[in-house]
Amino acid sequence: MSEERRPIGYIKSTEAGKTHLPSIIRKEVGLEGAGKIPYYLDANCVLLVRKDATLEDILLGLDVLKADLNLRTTKKEE
């Protein structure tokens, strides 16, 4: 059995390594114009957060994302 994930979108990169953050991401993390977005990462994922997010806000958001990912992943019979 394999899994097929259906992401909301993609962050695209140029050959020079420059990327474009979609407006929905900039809006969700509260970035208008130039600025910095805090992030955390491990070998499998990257987490972008609002500068003023508390630990509780981040953990609750992770719970929501976990549930959403489970809904967006379909199991395929091989």
N, C-alpha and C. Protein backbone atom coordinates (compact mmCIF):
# COMPACT_ATOMS: atom_id res chain seq x y z
N MET A 1 0.85 -1.18 0.00
CA MET A 1 0.00 0.00 0.00
C MET A 1 0.90 1.24 0.00
N SER A 2 0.60 2.21 -0.83
CA SER A 2 1.36 3.45 -0.86
C SER A 2 0.43 4.61 -0.51
N GLU A 3 1.02 5.76 -0.29
CA GLU A 3 0.25 6.94 0.07
C GLU A 3 0.41 8.00 -1.01
N GLU A 4 -0.66 8.73 -1.26
CA GLU A 4 -0.59 9.87 -2.16
C GLU A 4 -0.99 11.10 -1.37
N ARG A 5 -0.05 12.05 -1.24
CA ARG A 5 -0.34 13.28 -0.50
C ARG A 5 -0.80 14.34 -1.48
N ARG A 6 -1.76 15.14 -1.05
CA ARG A 6 -2.27 16.24 -1.88
C ARG A 6 -2.00 17.55 -1.16
N PRO A 7 -0.84 18.17 -1.42
CA PRO A 7 -0.52 19.42 -0.73
C PRO A 7 -1.39 20.57 -1.20
N ILE A 8 -1.45 21.61 -0.41
CA ILE A 8 -2.19 22.82 -0.77
C ILE A 8 -1.52 23.51 -1.94
N GLY A 9 -0.21 23.51 -1.98
CA GLY A 9 0.54 24.17 -3.04
C GLY A 9 2.01 23.85 -2.92
N TYR A 10 2.81 24.58 -3.69
CA TYR A 10 4.25 24.37 -3.71
C TYR A 10 4.98 25.70 -3.61
N ILE A 11 6.16 25.68 -3.03
CA ILE A 11 7.06 26.84 -3.06
C ILE A 11 8.06 26.54 -4.17
N LYS A 12 8.12 27.41 -5.15
CA LYS A 12 8.98 27.19 -6.31
C LYS A 12 10.31 27.91 -6.14
N SER A 13 11.34 27.33 -6.71
CA SER A 13 12.69 27.87 -6.62
C SER A 13 13.29 28.00 -8.01
N THR A 14 14.11 29.03 -8.22
CA THR A 14 14.81 29.21 -9.48
C THR A 14 16.14 28.46 -9.43
N GLU A 15 16.82 28.39 -10.57
CA GLU A 15 18.14 27.76 -10.62
C GLU A 15 19.11 28.46 -9.68
N ALA A 16 18.93 29.78 -9.49
CA ALA A 16 19.81 30.55 -8.60
C ALA A 16 19.47 30.36 -7.13
N GLY A 17 18.41 29.60 -6.83
CA GLY A 17 18.04 29.33 -5.45
C GLY A 17 17.08 30.35 -4.85
N LYS A 18 16.58 31.27 -5.64
CA LYS A 18 15.62 32.25 -5.14
C LYS A 18 14.24 31.61 -5.14
N THR A 19 13.46 31.94 -4.12
CA THR A 19 12.12 31.37 -4.00
C THR A 19 11.08 32.47 -3.89
N HIS A 20 9.85 32.08 -4.16
CA HIS A 20 8.71 32.99 -4.02
C HIS A 20 7.77 32.37 -3.00
N LEU A 21 7.45 33.14 -1.95
CA LEU A 21 6.47 32.66 -0.98
C LEU A 21 5.08 33.09 -1.44
N PRO A 22 4.19 32.15 -1.64
CA PRO A 22 2.83 32.51 -2.05
C PRO A 22 2.18 33.45 -1.04
N SER A 23 1.29 34.28 -1.53
CA SER A 23 0.65 35.29 -0.68
C SER A 23 -0.10 34.66 0.49
N ILE A 24 -0.68 33.48 0.31
CA ILE A 24 -1.40 32.83 1.41
C ILE A 24 -0.45 32.53 2.57
N ILE A 25 0.79 32.17 2.28
CA ILE A 25 1.77 31.89 3.34
C ILE A 25 2.17 33.19 4.02
N ARG A 26 2.47 34.22 3.23
CA ARG A 26 2.85 35.51 3.82
C ARG A 26 1.73 36.04 4.71
N LYS A 27 0.48 35.89 4.27
CA LYS A 27 -0.67 36.36 5.06
C LYS A 27 -0.78 35.58 6.37
N GLU A 28 -0.66 34.26 6.30
CA GLU A 28 -0.81 33.42 7.49
C GLU A 28 0.27 33.67 8.53
N VAL A 29 1.48 34.00 8.11
CA VAL A 29 2.55 34.25 9.08
C VAL A 29 2.67 35.73 9.42
N GLY A 30 1.78 36.55 8.86
CA GLY A 30 1.75 37.96 9.22
C GLY A 30 2.85 38.80 8.60
N LEU A 31 3.33 38.41 7.43
CA LEU A 31 4.42 39.14 6.77
C LEU A 31 3.85 40.04 5.68
N GLU A 32 4.10 41.34 5.82
CA GLU A 32 3.72 42.30 4.81
C GLU A 32 4.99 42.99 4.33
N GLY A 33 5.29 42.89 3.05
CA GLY A 33 6.53 43.48 2.55
C GLY A 33 7.73 42.67 2.99
N ALA A 34 8.85 43.35 3.19
CA ALA A 34 10.08 42.67 3.60
C ALA A 34 10.00 42.31 5.08
N GLY A 35 10.71 41.29 5.47
CA GLY A 35 10.72 40.90 6.87
C GLY A 35 11.33 39.53 7.06
N LYS A 36 11.21 39.02 8.26
CA LYS A 36 11.76 37.71 8.62
C LYS A 36 10.64 36.80 9.08
N ILE A 37 10.75 35.53 8.75
CA ILE A 37 9.79 34.52 9.20
C ILE A 37 10.57 33.47 9.99
N PRO A 38 10.26 33.31 11.28
CA PRO A 38 10.94 32.26 12.05
C PRO A 38 10.55 30.88 11.52
N TYR A 39 11.48 29.93 11.57
CA TYR A 39 11.15 28.57 11.15
C TYR A 39 11.89 27.55 11.98
N TYR A 40 11.34 26.34 11.99
CA TYR A 40 11.92 25.18 12.64
C TYR A 40 11.95 24.09 11.59
N LEU A 41 12.92 23.19 11.68
CA LEU A 41 12.97 22.12 10.69
C LEU A 41 13.55 20.86 11.27
N ASP A 42 13.22 19.78 10.59
CA ASP A 42 13.87 18.50 10.85
C ASP A 42 14.11 17.87 9.49
N ALA A 43 14.46 16.63 9.45
CA ALA A 43 14.82 15.99 8.18
C ALA A 43 13.64 15.88 7.21
N ASN A 44 12.40 15.97 7.70
CA ASN A 44 11.25 15.73 6.85
C ASN A 44 10.33 16.92 6.62
N CYS A 45 10.43 17.95 7.41
CA CYS A 45 9.50 19.06 7.24
C CYS A 45 10.08 20.37 7.78
N VAL A 46 9.45 21.46 7.35
CA VAL A 46 9.81 22.80 7.80
C VAL A 46 8.54 23.45 8.34
N LEU A 47 8.65 24.13 9.46
CA LEU A 47 7.52 24.80 10.09
C LEU A 47 7.79 26.29 10.13
N LEU A 48 6.99 27.07 9.41
CA LEU A 48 7.07 28.53 9.45
C LEU A 48 6.07 29.02 10.47
N VAL A 49 6.46 29.99 11.30
CA VAL A 49 5.56 30.47 12.35
C VAL A 49 5.53 32.00 12.37
N ARG A 50 4.47 32.54 12.96
CA ARG A 50 4.40 33.98 13.18
C ARG A 50 5.44 34.37 14.22
N LYS A 51 5.98 35.58 14.10
CA LYS A 51 6.98 36.04 15.07
C LYS A 51 6.44 36.06 16.49
N ASP A 52 5.15 36.39 16.65
CA ASP A 52 4.58 36.52 17.98
C ASP A 52 3.84 35.26 18.46
N ALA A 53 4.00 34.14 17.76
CA ALA A 53 3.30 32.91 18.15
C ALA A 53 3.89 32.36 19.45
N THR A 54 3.00 31.94 20.34
CA THR A 54 3.43 31.30 21.58
C THR A 54 3.63 29.81 21.32
N LEU A 55 4.28 29.15 22.25
CA LEU A 55 4.46 27.70 22.12
C LEU A 55 3.09 27.02 22.03
N GLU A 56 2.14 27.47 22.83
CA GLU A 56 0.79 26.88 22.79
C GLU A 56 0.15 27.07 21.41
N ASP A 57 0.29 28.27 20.83
CA ASP A 57 -0.25 28.52 19.49
C ASP A 57 0.36 27.56 18.47
N ILE A 58 1.67 27.38 18.56
CA ILE A 58 2.37 26.52 17.61
C ILE A 58 1.91 25.07 17.76
N LEU A 59 1.82 24.58 18.99
CA LEU A 59 1.41 23.19 19.22
C LEU A 59 -0.03 22.95 18.78
N LEU A 60 -0.92 23.91 19.03
CA LEU A 60 -2.30 23.77 18.55
C LEU A 60 -2.35 23.76 17.03
N GLY A 61 -1.54 24.62 16.41
CA GLY A 61 -1.47 24.64 14.95
C GLY A 61 -0.97 23.32 14.38
N LEU A 62 0.00 22.71 15.06
CA LEU A 62 0.50 21.41 14.61
C LEU A 62 -0.57 20.34 14.69
N ASP A 63 -1.41 20.39 15.72
CA ASP A 63 -2.52 19.44 15.82
C ASP A 63 -3.47 19.59 14.63
N VAL A 64 -3.77 20.84 14.26
CA VAL A 64 -4.65 21.10 13.12
C VAL A 64 -4.00 20.60 11.83
N LEU A 65 -2.72 20.90 11.65
CA LEU A 65 -2.02 20.45 10.45
C LEU A 65 -1.95 18.93 10.36
N LYS A 66 -1.76 18.28 11.49
CA LYS A 66 -1.71 16.82 11.51
C LYS A 66 -3.05 16.23 11.05
N ALA A 67 -4.12 16.77 11.56
CA ALA A 67 -5.45 16.29 11.14
C ALA A 67 -5.69 16.57 9.67
N ASP A 68 -5.29 17.76 9.19
CA ASP A 68 -5.47 18.12 7.79
C ASP A 68 -4.65 17.20 6.89
N LEU A 69 -3.42 16.91 7.27
CA LEU A 69 -2.58 16.02 6.48
C LEU A 69 -3.18 14.62 6.39
N ASN A 70 -3.74 14.15 7.49
CA ASN A 70 -4.40 12.84 7.46
C ASN A 70 -5.58 12.83 6.50
N LEU A 71 -6.33 13.93 6.44
CA LEU A 71 -7.46 14.02 5.50
C LEU A 71 -6.98 14.12 4.05
N ARG A 72 -5.86 14.76 3.82
CA ARG A 72 -5.35 14.96 2.46
C ARG A 72 -4.55 13.77 1.92
N THR A 73 -4.27 12.81 2.76
CA THR A 73 -3.51 11.63 2.34
C THR A 73 -4.46 10.49 2.08
N THR A 74 -4.35 9.94 0.89
CA THR A 74 -5.20 8.79 0.56
C THR A 74 -4.32 7.55 0.45
N LYS A 75 -4.84 6.45 0.91
CA LYS A 75 -4.12 5.18 0.83
C LYS A 75 -4.46 4.54 -0.53
N LYS A 76 -3.42 4.09 -1.23
CA LYS A 76 -3.61 3.45 -2.53
C LYS A 76 -3.17 1.99 -2.42
N GLU A 77 -4.00 1.10 -2.92
CA GLU A 77 -3.65 -0.31 -2.97
C GLU A 77 -2.62 -0.51 -4.08
N GLU A 78 -1.60 -1.33 -3.82
CA GLU A 78 -0.57 -1.59 -4.83
C GLU A 78 -0.85 -2.89 -5.53
